[in-house]
Amino acid sequence: MKKSLALILALVLVVAMLAGCAPANKVDDNKPSPTPGSVNTSDSNTGDTDTEPVDEGPYHMAYGKFEFNADGYVDEAFEYTLPLSTTDEVFTYWTTCWTPQHIPEGGLQELETLANIEELTGVHIEYEAVSAENRAQNFAVLLAADDLRDIMDQAIYFYTGSPRSIIDDGWVINFYDYREYMPNYLFNLWDRHDIDVLKYGRLDDTTWPAMYGLLIDPAPGSGYMLRQDIMDDLNLGAAADVKTFDQWHDVLTAFKNNGVKWPLALYKTVELTAGSSFSGYNTAALVSETALPAAKVIDGKVQYSLTTQDDRDLVTMINQWYKEGLIDPNYTSNGDNTQMSNSITTGELGCIIFNPSEVAAWEATCSDPDAKFMPTPRIKKTEDQILQYGQKQSNFHMGSACVSANCENIPLVCTWLDWKWSPYGIEVDNWGVEGLTYVVNENGEKQLSDFVLNNPDGLGAAWVMVLYTCDGLRQPCMNMHRRMYAYPGGEIFLQMFDTWTVDNYGGEYDFPTGVTYTDDQSEELNKYSNDIITYIGENYYAFIDGSKPISEWDSYVAQLENLGIDKCREIVQEAYEAYIA
């Protein structure tokens, strides 16, 4: 039945893709168990199962060698005996590469760092790097052909059905069923002491569709930076001392009066990360083309950003700055900094959102050799304001992976993934090979190598490490993002994270990241979301440029209610209360 369905899907693939249809359900009640033996789910989540572990034989797995705690997680890290396998099994790994021109002729597996992992673990991986722009289409083709690869980076994002149905329809494994092979994943989740981390990506206690990556030492990833050299020329003080909206406005106005054409960079989404750019208003000014507004919780009641009095006050301020010429009228063309590179490098912009890892490259391309960008703290209404929203540091990055239900040795694949979460595996995965991607200085500290910092092929340091070591943009890894600043002088960029980190943070309005939805709830939300998303985009931009007066805010909110945003809020409220319970 499965194969017949795959043929049907292959025949209608193009039509289904153009129509935006979800794939039909895949059902195979007679599918054999994966070898060498899967783990059955028990009635509790404490690790008790009714199956025997895989015979050790040529494998070194964790099954039976560690204990679960009372909550079904693990209290200490597990170190594997290497190699994990001495067999000739080969597993396929579907992924992407952001710099495909630098892939060796024989594929990613020929990179020295990945070859080193293969030698250490004895697990043979054949990587298939699909271009980033073609991943969705390629995933649909593999799905139609019933030919998912053994490991699939970010498959959960490309599947058009619900996260639960990707398991129920037999496409990928439920990681819960293989938790006896994943002590380090469970340990690192438990070690964060954060209920959001334990719940993230889990549809319920026994349904885990994907493995999600974590950040080591999480910190704000980006924030606004001011041209400190211009501030110095105008005697405006340090960017780090700009703490309130009034102070920020004074600096931007001074920039405008002294030749900076558009002092403040605004983006198509207004801000790039929910709640980060205009923090003092305790809301998210993130206007998404694909998602409902960010939710927040006030006194136990869910609210949508872009609809509240705080949002009205914020857009009133942005509109005033727009009228004063502090914002480029073409800001809706700016998806990211690359789309306004000319304005950045020529000094037409004075305050831009950056990640620390990209600052040095942007400074080097500026026509002014003295150009220097320095971060502002999260901006408040008053310096003593306690922020309540959007400043909790996410423990997760963008990477994740699913394992195909057709994989012939699921326990070994789960073991290999889990080894990367072991203390030694984390080091190898993040740093690569000594002498190639890192060196050890006189103090015994790992530092990025000259190959990384001055790559002979002209590849930027961040992209060298993404290619040669673990990649938090796609893989389910434990990512040491701060290693990118491990070189003499890198301390200044690490300090940028500290500038954006909010001390004495309240966080009472934060919506838990671990909230999940049933299939029925997701379907109901999807029913209303497109019209709501479109209407918000059309009108929020109009409030900013003044083509719609702020006096029409209440009618804007009323129309959103007509489009179903109140029904969406009720669904989210229900899911939130279930999570709290």
Protein backbone atom coordinates (compact mmCIF):
# COMPACT_ATOMS: atom_id res chain seq x y z
CA MET A 1 0.00 0.00 0.00
CA LYS A 2 2.83 2.33 0.92
CA LYS A 3 4.60 1.81 -2.40
CA SER A 4 1.40 2.29 -4.39
CA LEU A 5 0.70 5.47 -2.54
CA ALA A 6 4.24 6.64 -3.24
CA LEU A 7 3.68 6.10 -6.97
CA ILE A 8 0.42 8.06 -6.84
CA LEU A 9 2.15 10.84 -4.94
CA ALA A 10 4.94 10.93 -7.50
CA LEU A 11 2.43 11.33 -10.32
CA VAL A 12 0.59 14.21 -8.65
CA LEU A 13 3.62 15.83 -7.01
CA VAL A 14 3.78 18.95 -9.16
CA VAL A 15 0.04 19.57 -8.86
CA ALA A 16 0.14 19.03 -5.11
CA MET A 17 3.08 21.39 -4.69
CA LEU A 18 1.44 24.14 -6.74
CA ALA A 19 -1.80 23.75 -4.87
CA GLY A 20 -0.05 23.83 -1.50
CA CYS A 21 -1.70 20.54 -0.52
CA ALA A 22 -0.44 18.36 2.30
CA PRO A 23 0.64 14.88 1.24
CA ALA A 24 -1.86 12.08 1.66
CA ASN A 25 -1.49 9.90 4.72
CA LYS A 26 0.95 7.05 4.48
CA VAL A 27 -0.25 3.88 6.21
CA ASP A 28 1.53 0.56 6.56
CA ASP A 29 0.41 -1.51 9.54
CA ASN A 30 2.61 -4.42 8.43
CA LYS A 31 5.88 -2.49 8.29
CA PRO A 32 8.60 -4.58 9.96
CA SER A 33 10.42 -3.27 13.00
CA PRO A 34 13.71 -1.53 12.22
CA THR A 35 16.80 -3.58 12.87
CA PRO A 36 18.70 -4.30 14.99
CA GLY A 37 15.62 -3.87 17.18
CA SER A 38 13.70 -0.79 18.23
CA VAL A 39 12.62 0.16 21.71
CA ASN A 40 8.96 -0.13 22.56
CA THR A 41 7.15 2.62 24.41
CA SER A 42 6.08 1.78 27.96
CA ASP A 43 3.31 3.34 30.03
CA SER A 44 5.73 5.63 31.85
CA ASN A 45 8.46 7.97 30.71
CA THR A 46 11.04 6.77 33.21
CA GLY A 47 12.90 4.60 30.74
CA ASP A 48 11.34 1.22 31.57
CA THR A 49 10.74 -0.82 28.42
CA ASP A 50 9.78 -4.36 27.60
CA THR A 51 12.42 -5.06 24.96
CA GLU A 52 15.98 -6.27 25.17
CA PRO A 53 18.83 -3.98 24.11
CA VAL A 54 20.65 -4.53 20.85
CA ASP A 55 23.31 -7.22 21.20
CA GLU A 56 26.58 -5.36 21.85
CA GLY A 57 28.44 -7.29 19.13
CA PRO A 58 30.26 -4.78 16.93
CA TYR A 59 28.54 -1.82 18.63
CA HIS A 60 29.21 0.39 21.66
CA MET A 61 25.82 1.84 22.54
CA ALA A 62 24.44 3.33 25.74
CA TYR A 63 21.44 1.01 26.16
CA GLY A 64 21.36 -0.40 29.68
CA LYS A 65 24.44 1.53 30.81
CA PHE A 66 22.78 4.58 32.39
CA GLU A 67 19.80 5.38 34.58
CA PHE A 68 16.80 7.61 34.00
CA ASN A 69 15.74 9.93 36.80
CA ALA A 70 12.18 10.07 38.14
CA ASP A 71 11.18 12.50 35.40
CA GLY A 72 12.47 10.37 32.55
CA TYR A 73 15.62 12.40 31.90
CA VAL A 74 19.28 11.81 32.83
CA ASP A 75 21.33 13.39 35.62
CA GLU A 76 24.84 13.06 34.21
CA ALA A 77 26.64 12.95 30.89
CA PHE A 78 27.56 9.62 29.30
CA GLU A 79 30.92 8.99 27.66
CA TYR A 80 30.97 6.42 24.88
CA THR A 81 33.58 3.82 24.14
CA LEU A 82 34.86 4.45 20.64
CA PRO A 83 34.39 3.38 17.95
CA LEU A 84 30.62 3.19 18.18
CA SER A 85 30.57 0.61 15.39
CA THR A 86 32.98 -1.65 13.53
CA THR A 87 30.54 -2.57 10.77
CA ASP A 88 30.46 -1.46 7.15
CA GLU A 89 26.96 0.04 7.36
CA VAL A 90 26.53 3.33 5.49
CA PHE A 91 23.88 5.87 6.45
CA THR A 92 22.57 8.70 4.31
CA TYR A 93 22.31 12.25 5.62
CA TRP A 94 20.11 14.82 3.84
CA THR A 95 21.24 18.37 4.53
CA THR A 96 22.24 21.61 2.85
CA CYS A 97 25.37 23.72 2.46
CA TRP A 98 25.38 27.50 2.45
CA THR A 99 28.63 27.62 0.45
CA PRO A 100 28.24 24.75 -2.05
CA GLN A 101 31.16 25.97 -4.18
CA HIS A 102 33.46 24.83 -1.36
CA ILE A 103 32.20 21.24 -1.13
CA PRO A 104 34.94 18.74 -2.10
CA GLU A 105 34.43 16.83 -5.33
CA GLY A 106 33.66 13.65 -3.39
CA GLY A 107 31.05 15.30 -1.18
CA LEU A 108 30.95 16.72 2.33
CA GLN A 109 32.22 13.44 3.78
CA GLU A 110 35.65 14.28 2.33
CA LEU A 111 36.02 17.34 4.58
CA GLU A 112 38.81 16.58 7.06
CA THR A 113 36.60 17.34 10.05
CA LEU A 114 33.77 15.02 8.99
CA ALA A 115 36.23 12.33 7.97
CA ASN A 116 37.73 12.62 11.46
CA ILE A 117 34.30 12.05 13.07
CA GLU A 118 33.83 8.99 10.87
CA GLU A 119 37.22 7.62 11.92
CA LEU A 120 36.50 8.23 15.61
CA THR A 121 33.00 6.75 15.63
CA GLY A 122 33.33 4.09 12.95
CA VAL A 123 29.94 5.24 11.62
CA HIS A 124 29.96 5.81 7.88
CA ILE A 125 27.88 8.77 6.72
CA GLU A 126 27.16 9.69 3.11
CA TYR A 127 26.05 13.34 2.98
CA GLU A 128 23.64 14.68 0.39
CA ALA A 129 23.86 18.48 0.30
CA VAL A 130 20.80 19.93 -1.44
CA SER A 131 20.86 23.62 -2.34
CA ALA A 132 19.11 25.72 0.29
CA GLU A 133 16.59 27.16 -2.16
CA ASN A 134 15.59 23.71 -3.44
CA ARG A 135 15.21 21.87 -0.16
CA ALA A 136 11.42 22.10 0.06
CA GLN A 137 10.96 20.80 -3.48
CA ASN A 138 13.55 18.06 -3.03
CA PHE A 139 11.97 16.97 0.25
CA ALA A 140 8.60 16.64 -1.49
CA VAL A 141 10.20 14.48 -4.22
CA LEU A 142 11.82 12.17 -1.64
CA LEU A 143 8.56 11.92 0.25
CA ALA A 144 6.61 11.03 -2.89
CA ALA A 145 9.17 8.35 -3.74
CA ASP A 146 9.14 6.97 -0.18
CA ASP A 147 12.88 7.54 -0.18
CA LEU A 148 13.66 9.72 2.83
CA ARG A 149 17.31 9.62 3.80
CA ASP A 150 18.32 8.10 7.14
CA ILE A 151 18.92 11.50 8.76
CA MET A 152 17.05 14.58 7.54
CA ASP A 153 18.12 18.03 8.74
CA GLN A 154 15.10 20.26 9.51
CA ALA A 155 12.66 17.80 7.94
CA ILE A 156 10.03 18.90 10.44
CA TYR A 157 9.97 22.33 8.77
CA PHE A 158 9.53 20.98 5.24
CA TYR A 159 6.77 18.50 6.01
CA THR A 160 3.45 20.08 5.07
CA GLY A 161 1.43 18.00 7.51
CA SER A 162 1.42 18.39 11.27
CA PRO A 163 4.41 17.38 13.42
CA ARG A 164 2.34 14.58 14.91
CA SER A 165 1.29 13.21 11.54
CA ILE A 166 4.89 12.93 10.31
CA ILE A 167 5.23 10.21 12.95
CA ASP A 168 1.73 8.76 12.74
CA ASP A 169 1.95 8.43 8.97
CA GLY A 170 5.12 6.37 9.31
CA TRP A 171 7.65 8.75 7.77
CA VAL A 172 10.00 9.30 10.71
CA ILE A 173 10.72 7.73 14.07
CA ASN A 174 9.40 8.91 17.39
CA PHE A 175 12.60 9.73 19.28
CA TYR A 176 10.86 8.85 22.54
CA ASP A 177 10.90 5.19 21.46
CA TYR A 178 14.70 5.32 21.21
CA ARG A 179 15.52 7.33 24.32
CA GLU A 180 17.54 4.42 25.77
CA TYR A 181 20.12 5.22 23.08
CA MET A 182 20.22 8.97 23.79
CA PRO A 183 21.44 9.68 27.35
CA ASN A 184 23.41 12.80 26.44
CA TYR A 185 20.51 14.44 24.64
CA LEU A 186 18.34 13.82 27.69
CA PHE A 187 21.07 15.00 30.05
CA ASN A 188 21.66 18.28 28.23
CA LEU A 189 17.94 19.02 28.14
CA TRP A 190 17.65 18.27 31.86
CA ASP A 191 20.77 20.23 32.75
CA ARG A 192 19.15 23.54 31.66
CA HIS A 193 16.65 23.35 34.55
CA ASP A 194 14.10 25.03 32.31
CA ILE A 195 10.61 23.61 31.74
CA ASP A 196 10.50 25.31 28.32
CA VAL A 197 13.55 23.32 27.26
CA LEU A 198 12.08 20.03 28.45
CA LYS A 199 8.84 20.68 26.58
CA TYR A 200 10.29 22.23 23.43
CA GLY A 201 9.59 20.15 20.36
CA ARG A 202 7.65 17.52 22.32
CA LEU A 203 4.03 17.20 21.30
CA ASP A 204 3.44 15.38 24.57
CA ASP A 205 5.56 13.38 27.01
CA THR A 206 5.80 10.41 24.64
CA THR A 207 5.75 12.04 21.19
CA TRP A 208 9.07 13.56 20.07
CA PRO A 209 9.16 14.07 16.29
CA ALA A 210 12.61 15.66 16.02
CA MET A 211 15.89 16.23 17.80
CA TYR A 212 16.45 19.95 18.31
CA GLY A 213 19.80 21.68 18.82
CA LEU A 214 20.81 23.68 21.88
CA LEU A 215 23.06 26.69 22.35
CA ILE A 216 25.86 26.50 24.88
CA ASP A 217 25.91 29.75 26.89
CA PRO A 218 22.87 31.30 25.17
CA ALA A 219 22.94 35.04 24.66
CA PRO A 220 21.11 37.62 22.55
CA GLY A 221 22.12 36.88 18.99
CA SER A 222 21.88 40.41 17.62
CA GLY A 223 20.82 43.96 18.34
CA TYR A 224 21.03 47.54 17.22
CA MET A 225 24.49 49.04 16.78
CA LEU A 226 25.37 52.71 16.35
CA ARG A 227 28.17 54.24 14.32
CA GLN A 228 30.42 54.96 17.28
CA ASP A 229 32.89 56.90 15.14
CA ILE A 230 30.16 59.39 14.20
CA MET A 231 29.09 59.63 17.83
CA ASP A 232 32.70 60.41 18.76
CA ASP A 233 32.91 63.13 16.10
CA LEU A 234 29.71 64.72 17.46
CA ASN A 235 30.63 64.27 21.14
CA LEU A 236 27.54 62.14 21.72
CA GLY A 237 29.16 59.72 24.17
CA ALA A 238 29.21 55.93 23.98
CA ALA A 239 26.64 53.73 22.27
CA ALA A 240 26.45 51.65 25.46
CA ASP A 241 25.12 54.72 27.30
CA VAL A 242 22.12 55.10 25.00
CA LYS A 243 19.52 53.42 27.19
CA THR A 244 16.18 55.18 26.68
CA PHE A 245 14.03 56.06 23.67
CA ASP A 246 14.57 59.76 24.33
CA GLN A 247 18.36 59.30 24.31
CA TRP A 248 18.14 57.16 21.19
CA HIS A 249 15.99 59.78 19.45
CA ASP A 250 18.50 62.52 20.34
CA VAL A 251 21.36 60.55 18.78
CA LEU A 252 19.39 59.70 15.63
CA THR A 253 18.35 63.34 15.26
CA ALA A 254 21.96 64.49 15.64
CA PHE A 255 22.95 61.96 12.95
CA LYS A 256 20.26 63.34 10.64
CA ASN A 257 21.38 66.91 11.20
CA ASN A 258 24.96 65.98 10.37
CA GLY A 259 24.59 64.22 7.06
CA VAL A 260 23.43 60.68 7.90
CA LYS A 261 20.64 60.25 5.37
CA TRP A 262 18.59 57.59 7.15
CA PRO A 263 19.79 57.27 10.77
CA LEU A 264 17.72 54.19 11.74
CA ALA A 265 17.60 50.94 9.75
CA LEU A 266 14.12 49.42 9.79
CA TYR A 267 13.33 46.11 8.13
CA LYS A 268 10.52 44.54 6.15
CA THR A 269 9.55 42.69 9.31
CA VAL A 270 10.13 45.98 11.24
CA GLU A 271 12.35 44.15 13.76
CA LEU A 272 14.26 40.94 13.12
CA THR A 273 13.69 39.16 16.44
CA ALA A 274 10.45 39.42 18.39
CA GLY A 275 10.71 41.94 21.19
CA SER A 276 14.36 42.87 20.71
CA SER A 277 14.32 46.23 18.94
CA PHE A 278 11.81 48.29 20.93
CA SER A 279 12.04 46.44 24.22
CA GLY A 280 10.62 49.15 26.47
CA TYR A 281 7.17 48.72 24.96
CA ASN A 282 7.07 45.08 26.14
CA THR A 283 5.77 43.82 22.83
CA ALA A 284 6.95 42.40 19.52
CA ALA A 285 6.99 44.65 16.45
CA LEU A 286 7.69 41.62 14.26
CA VAL A 287 5.47 41.74 11.15
CA SER A 288 5.71 38.26 9.65
CA GLU A 289 4.59 37.17 6.20
CA THR A 290 4.09 33.59 7.35
CA ALA A 291 3.08 33.56 11.03
CA LEU A 292 0.51 35.07 13.35
CA PRO A 293 1.80 37.85 15.64
CA ALA A 294 3.94 36.83 18.60
CA ALA A 295 1.89 35.99 21.69
CA LYS A 296 2.43 37.29 25.20
CA VAL A 297 0.68 36.62 28.51
CA ILE A 298 -0.54 39.32 30.90
CA ASP A 299 -2.13 38.21 34.17
CA GLY A 300 -2.67 34.76 32.71
CA LYS A 301 -4.44 36.03 29.59
CA VAL A 302 -2.95 35.55 26.12
CA GLN A 303 -2.62 38.62 23.93
CA TYR A 304 -1.32 39.00 20.40
CA SER A 305 1.32 41.63 19.75
CA LEU A 306 0.58 44.18 17.01
CA THR A 307 -2.93 44.57 18.48
CA THR A 308 -2.60 46.05 22.00
CA GLN A 309 -2.33 49.53 23.47
CA ASP A 310 1.43 48.99 23.85
CA ASP A 311 1.60 48.33 20.12
CA ARG A 312 -0.43 51.44 19.36
CA ASP A 313 1.95 53.53 21.47
CA LEU A 314 4.97 51.98 19.77
CA VAL A 315 3.77 52.47 16.20
CA THR A 316 2.87 56.08 17.10
CA MET A 317 6.51 56.68 18.04
CA ILE A 318 7.83 54.93 14.92
CA ASN A 319 5.48 57.01 12.77
CA GLN A 320 6.82 60.20 14.35
CA TRP A 321 10.41 59.14 13.63
CA TYR A 322 9.36 58.26 10.07
CA LYS A 323 7.89 61.77 9.57
CA GLU A 324 11.13 63.29 10.88
CA GLY A 325 13.11 61.50 8.17
CA LEU A 326 14.92 59.18 10.57
CA ILE A 327 13.77 56.05 8.67
CA ASP A 328 14.26 55.14 5.01
CA PRO A 329 10.83 55.21 3.27
CA ASN A 330 11.88 52.08 1.34
CA TYR A 331 12.45 50.03 4.50
CA THR A 332 9.96 47.35 3.37
CA SER A 333 12.51 46.32 0.73
CA ASN A 334 15.03 45.40 3.42
CA GLY A 335 14.72 41.74 4.28
CA ASP A 336 18.21 41.78 5.79
CA ASN A 337 21.38 43.87 5.78
CA THR A 338 22.60 42.62 2.42
CA GLN A 339 19.72 44.42 0.76
CA MET A 340 20.89 47.76 2.09
CA SER A 341 24.61 47.13 1.86
CA ASN A 342 25.28 50.29 -0.18
CA SER A 343 23.59 52.45 2.46
CA ILE A 344 25.61 50.77 5.21
CA THR A 345 28.98 51.02 3.51
CA THR A 346 28.53 54.65 2.36
CA GLY A 347 27.41 55.86 5.78
CA GLU A 348 23.81 56.63 4.82
CA LEU A 349 22.67 54.50 7.78
CA GLY A 350 23.75 55.13 11.34
CA CYS A 351 21.99 52.49 13.46
CA ILE A 352 21.71 48.91 12.17
CA ILE A 353 20.97 45.45 13.57
CA PHE A 354 24.06 43.24 13.51
CA ASN A 355 25.28 39.93 14.81
CA PRO A 356 28.73 40.36 16.40
CA SER A 357 30.29 37.88 13.97
CA GLU A 358 29.50 40.12 10.99
CA VAL A 359 30.60 43.48 12.41
CA ALA A 360 34.25 43.32 11.41
CA ALA A 361 33.39 42.44 7.80
CA TRP A 362 30.93 45.32 7.50
CA GLU A 363 33.39 47.78 9.02
CA ALA A 364 36.01 46.65 6.51
CA THR A 365 33.70 47.38 3.58
CA CYS A 366 32.76 50.90 4.73
CA SER A 367 34.11 53.77 2.63
CA ASP A 368 35.14 55.49 5.86
CA PRO A 369 38.19 53.59 7.19
CA ASP A 370 37.36 54.76 10.73
CA ALA A 371 33.86 53.24 10.68
CA LYS A 372 33.12 51.50 13.96
CA PHE A 373 29.86 49.92 15.10
CA MET A 374 29.10 49.47 18.80
CA PRO A 375 25.95 48.03 20.44
CA THR A 376 23.26 49.83 22.39
CA PRO A 377 21.58 48.07 25.31
CA ARG A 378 17.96 47.01 24.94
CA ILE A 379 16.17 50.36 24.85
CA LYS A 380 13.74 51.26 27.66
CA LYS A 381 11.25 54.05 28.36
CA THR A 382 13.17 54.93 31.52
CA GLU A 383 16.52 53.65 32.73
CA ASP A 384 14.96 51.99 35.80
CA GLN A 385 12.17 50.24 33.83
CA ILE A 386 11.89 46.48 34.46
CA LEU A 387 11.39 44.80 31.10
CA GLN A 388 8.75 42.08 31.01
CA TYR A 389 8.83 40.65 27.51
CA GLY A 390 11.08 39.22 24.83
CA GLN A 391 14.40 39.14 26.67
CA LYS A 392 14.54 35.55 27.85
CA GLN A 393 17.43 33.91 26.06
CA SER A 394 16.42 31.01 23.90
CA ASN A 395 18.36 27.83 24.58
CA PHE A 396 17.63 26.62 21.06
CA HIS A 397 19.04 27.44 17.66
CA MET A 398 17.49 26.71 14.27
CA GLY A 399 18.92 23.22 13.76
CA SER A 400 16.98 19.98 14.05
CA ALA A 401 16.80 16.54 12.50
CA CYS A 402 14.43 13.64 11.98
CA VAL A 403 15.38 10.00 11.42
CA SER A 404 13.60 8.04 8.70
CA ALA A 405 11.40 5.17 9.83
CA ASN A 406 12.97 3.18 6.96
CA CYS A 407 16.48 3.47 8.41
CA GLU A 408 17.91 -0.05 8.76
CA ASN A 409 19.73 0.56 12.04
CA ILE A 410 17.88 3.24 13.97
CA PRO A 411 19.62 2.52 17.31
CA LEU A 412 23.06 3.10 15.77
CA VAL A 413 21.96 6.33 14.08
CA CYS A 414 20.48 7.58 17.37
CA THR A 415 23.70 6.57 19.12
CA TRP A 416 25.78 8.53 16.58
CA LEU A 417 23.59 11.60 16.99
CA ASP A 418 23.79 11.28 20.77
CA TRP A 419 27.59 10.90 20.73
CA LYS A 420 27.72 14.43 19.30
CA TRP A 421 26.02 15.54 22.55
CA SER A 422 28.59 13.80 24.76
CA PRO A 423 31.35 15.92 26.36
CA TYR A 424 33.95 14.69 23.87
CA GLY A 425 31.57 14.73 20.93
CA ILE A 426 30.63 18.35 21.62
CA GLU A 427 34.29 19.39 21.51
CA VAL A 428 34.98 17.51 18.27
CA ASP A 429 31.77 18.67 16.62
CA ASN A 430 32.36 22.34 17.48
CA TRP A 431 36.12 22.70 17.03
CA GLY A 432 36.96 20.23 14.28
CA VAL A 433 40.57 19.13 13.76
CA GLU A 434 43.53 20.65 15.59
CA GLY A 435 45.86 22.42 13.20
CA LEU A 436 43.12 22.87 10.62
CA THR A 437 40.21 24.69 12.26
CA TYR A 438 41.76 25.39 15.65
CA VAL A 439 45.05 25.70 17.47
CA VAL A 440 45.89 25.62 21.18
CA ASN A 441 47.60 28.74 22.58
CA GLU A 442 50.22 28.96 25.30
CA ASN A 443 47.47 29.01 27.95
CA GLY A 444 46.02 25.75 26.71
CA GLU A 445 42.99 27.50 25.19
CA LYS A 446 41.50 26.55 21.85
CA GLN A 447 41.56 29.37 19.32
CA LEU A 448 40.46 29.64 15.71
CA SER A 449 43.23 28.80 13.26
CA ASP A 450 44.66 30.97 10.51
CA PHE A 451 42.87 28.71 8.03
CA VAL A 452 39.60 29.94 9.56
CA LEU A 453 40.50 33.58 10.16
CA ASN A 454 42.33 34.09 6.84
CA ASN A 455 40.82 31.41 4.66
CA PRO A 456 42.84 30.92 1.45
CA ASP A 457 39.61 30.65 -0.55
CA GLY A 458 38.33 33.94 0.82
CA LEU A 459 35.57 32.35 2.89
CA GLY A 460 34.58 34.34 5.99
CA ALA A 461 35.45 32.81 9.36
CA ALA A 462 31.82 32.18 10.31
CA TRP A 463 31.18 30.36 7.04
CA VAL A 464 34.36 28.30 7.34
CA MET A 465 33.21 27.02 10.73
CA VAL A 466 29.65 26.40 9.48
CA LEU A 467 31.10 24.31 6.66
CA TYR A 468 33.75 22.42 8.59
CA THR A 469 32.14 22.07 12.03
CA CYS A 470 28.64 21.87 13.49
CA ASP A 471 26.09 24.26 12.05
CA GLY A 472 23.39 25.72 14.29
CA LEU A 473 21.53 26.92 11.22
CA ARG A 474 20.52 23.37 10.27
CA GLN A 475 21.91 20.59 12.50
CA PRO A 476 20.69 19.27 15.88
CA CYS A 477 23.95 20.04 17.63
CA MET A 478 25.17 21.48 20.93
CA ASN A 479 26.44 24.73 19.44
CA MET A 480 29.28 26.69 21.07
CA HIS A 481 28.42 29.90 19.24
CA ARG A 482 30.95 31.90 21.31
CA ARG A 483 33.83 29.92 19.79
CA MET A 484 33.51 32.22 16.78
CA TYR A 485 35.25 34.92 18.84
CA ALA A 486 38.10 32.75 20.09
CA TYR A 487 40.99 34.79 18.70
CA PRO A 488 43.08 37.73 19.93
CA GLY A 489 40.78 40.76 19.96
CA GLY A 490 37.61 38.69 19.87
CA GLU A 491 36.76 39.78 23.41
CA ILE A 492 35.23 43.01 22.13
CA PHE A 493 32.60 41.02 20.24
CA LEU A 494 31.82 38.81 23.22
CA GLN A 495 31.18 42.01 25.19
CA MET A 496 28.45 42.86 22.67
CA PHE A 497 26.43 39.91 23.94
CA ASP A 498 26.79 41.29 27.46
CA THR A 499 25.56 44.73 26.33
CA TRP A 500 22.34 43.24 24.98
CA THR A 501 21.76 40.98 27.99
CA VAL A 502 19.16 42.51 30.30
CA ASP A 503 19.92 42.47 34.00
CA ASN A 504 17.06 42.30 36.49
CA TYR A 505 14.71 40.99 33.81
CA GLY A 506 11.07 40.46 34.84
CA GLY A 507 9.78 38.35 31.95
CA GLU A 508 6.22 38.18 33.27
CA TYR A 509 4.74 38.59 29.77
CA ASP A 510 6.82 35.92 28.05
CA PHE A 511 4.84 33.22 26.26
CA PRO A 512 6.36 29.76 26.92
CA THR A 513 8.16 28.28 23.93
CA GLY A 514 7.11 24.80 25.02
CA VAL A 515 3.41 25.31 24.30
CA THR A 516 2.19 22.83 21.68
CA TYR A 517 -1.06 22.43 19.78
CA THR A 518 -3.22 19.46 18.89
CA ASP A 519 -3.81 18.72 15.22
CA ASP A 520 -7.33 20.13 15.52
CA GLN A 521 -6.02 23.32 17.13
CA SER A 522 -3.37 23.73 14.44
CA GLU A 523 -5.95 23.19 11.72
CA GLU A 524 -8.24 25.79 13.27
CA LEU A 525 -5.41 28.33 13.58
CA ASN A 526 -4.42 27.75 9.96
CA LYS A 527 -8.01 28.42 8.88
CA TYR A 528 -7.77 32.05 10.01
CA SER A 529 -4.06 32.82 9.81
CA ASN A 530 -3.60 33.79 6.13
CA ASP A 531 -6.23 36.53 6.15
CA ILE A 532 -5.01 37.87 9.49
CA ILE A 533 -1.35 37.90 8.42
CA THR A 534 -2.17 39.69 5.17
CA TYR A 535 -4.35 42.30 6.88
CA ILE A 536 -1.74 43.08 9.55
CA GLY A 537 0.98 43.53 6.94
CA GLU A 538 -1.11 45.93 4.88
CA ASN A 539 -2.15 48.05 7.85
CA TYR A 540 0.85 48.10 10.19
CA TYR A 541 3.03 49.51 7.42
CA ALA A 542 0.33 52.10 6.74
CA PHE A 543 0.41 53.21 10.38
CA ILE A 544 4.19 53.63 10.15
CA ASP A 545 4.20 55.79 7.00
CA GLY A 546 1.05 57.69 8.00
CA SER A 547 -1.11 56.61 5.07
CA LYS A 548 -3.45 55.24 7.74
CA PRO A 549 -3.85 57.60 10.72
CA ILE A 550 -3.32 56.25 14.22
CA SER A 551 -6.87 57.34 14.99
CA GLU A 552 -8.01 54.29 12.98
CA TRP A 553 -6.21 51.85 15.29
CA ASP A 554 -9.41 50.68 17.00
CA SER A 555 -11.10 49.93 13.68
CA TYR A 556 -7.98 48.00 12.62
CA VAL A 557 -8.24 45.84 15.74
CA ALA A 558 -11.98 45.39 15.20
CA GLN A 559 -11.40 44.13 11.67
CA LEU A 560 -8.82 41.65 12.97
CA GLU A 561 -11.51 40.33 15.29
CA ASN A 562 -13.84 39.98 12.33
CA LEU A 563 -11.15 37.95 10.59
CA GLY A 564 -10.94 35.55 13.53
CA ILE A 565 -8.03 36.73 15.67
CA ASP A 566 -10.17 36.36 18.80
CA LYS A 567 -10.85 32.72 17.89
CA CYS A 568 -7.11 32.21 17.41
CA ARG A 569 -6.45 33.79 20.80
CA GLU A 570 -8.94 31.40 22.43
CA ILE A 571 -7.13 28.43 20.92
CA VAL A 572 -3.75 29.71 22.09
CA GLN A 573 -5.20 30.41 25.54
CA GLU A 574 -6.47 26.83 25.74
CA ALA A 575 -3.06 25.44 24.73
CA TYR A 576 -1.30 27.77 27.18
CA GLU A 577 -3.50 26.64 30.08
CA ALA A 578 -2.90 22.99 29.18
CA TYR A 579 0.83 23.68 29.22
CA ILE A 580 0.67 25.43 32.61
CA ALA A 581 -1.36 22.53 34.02
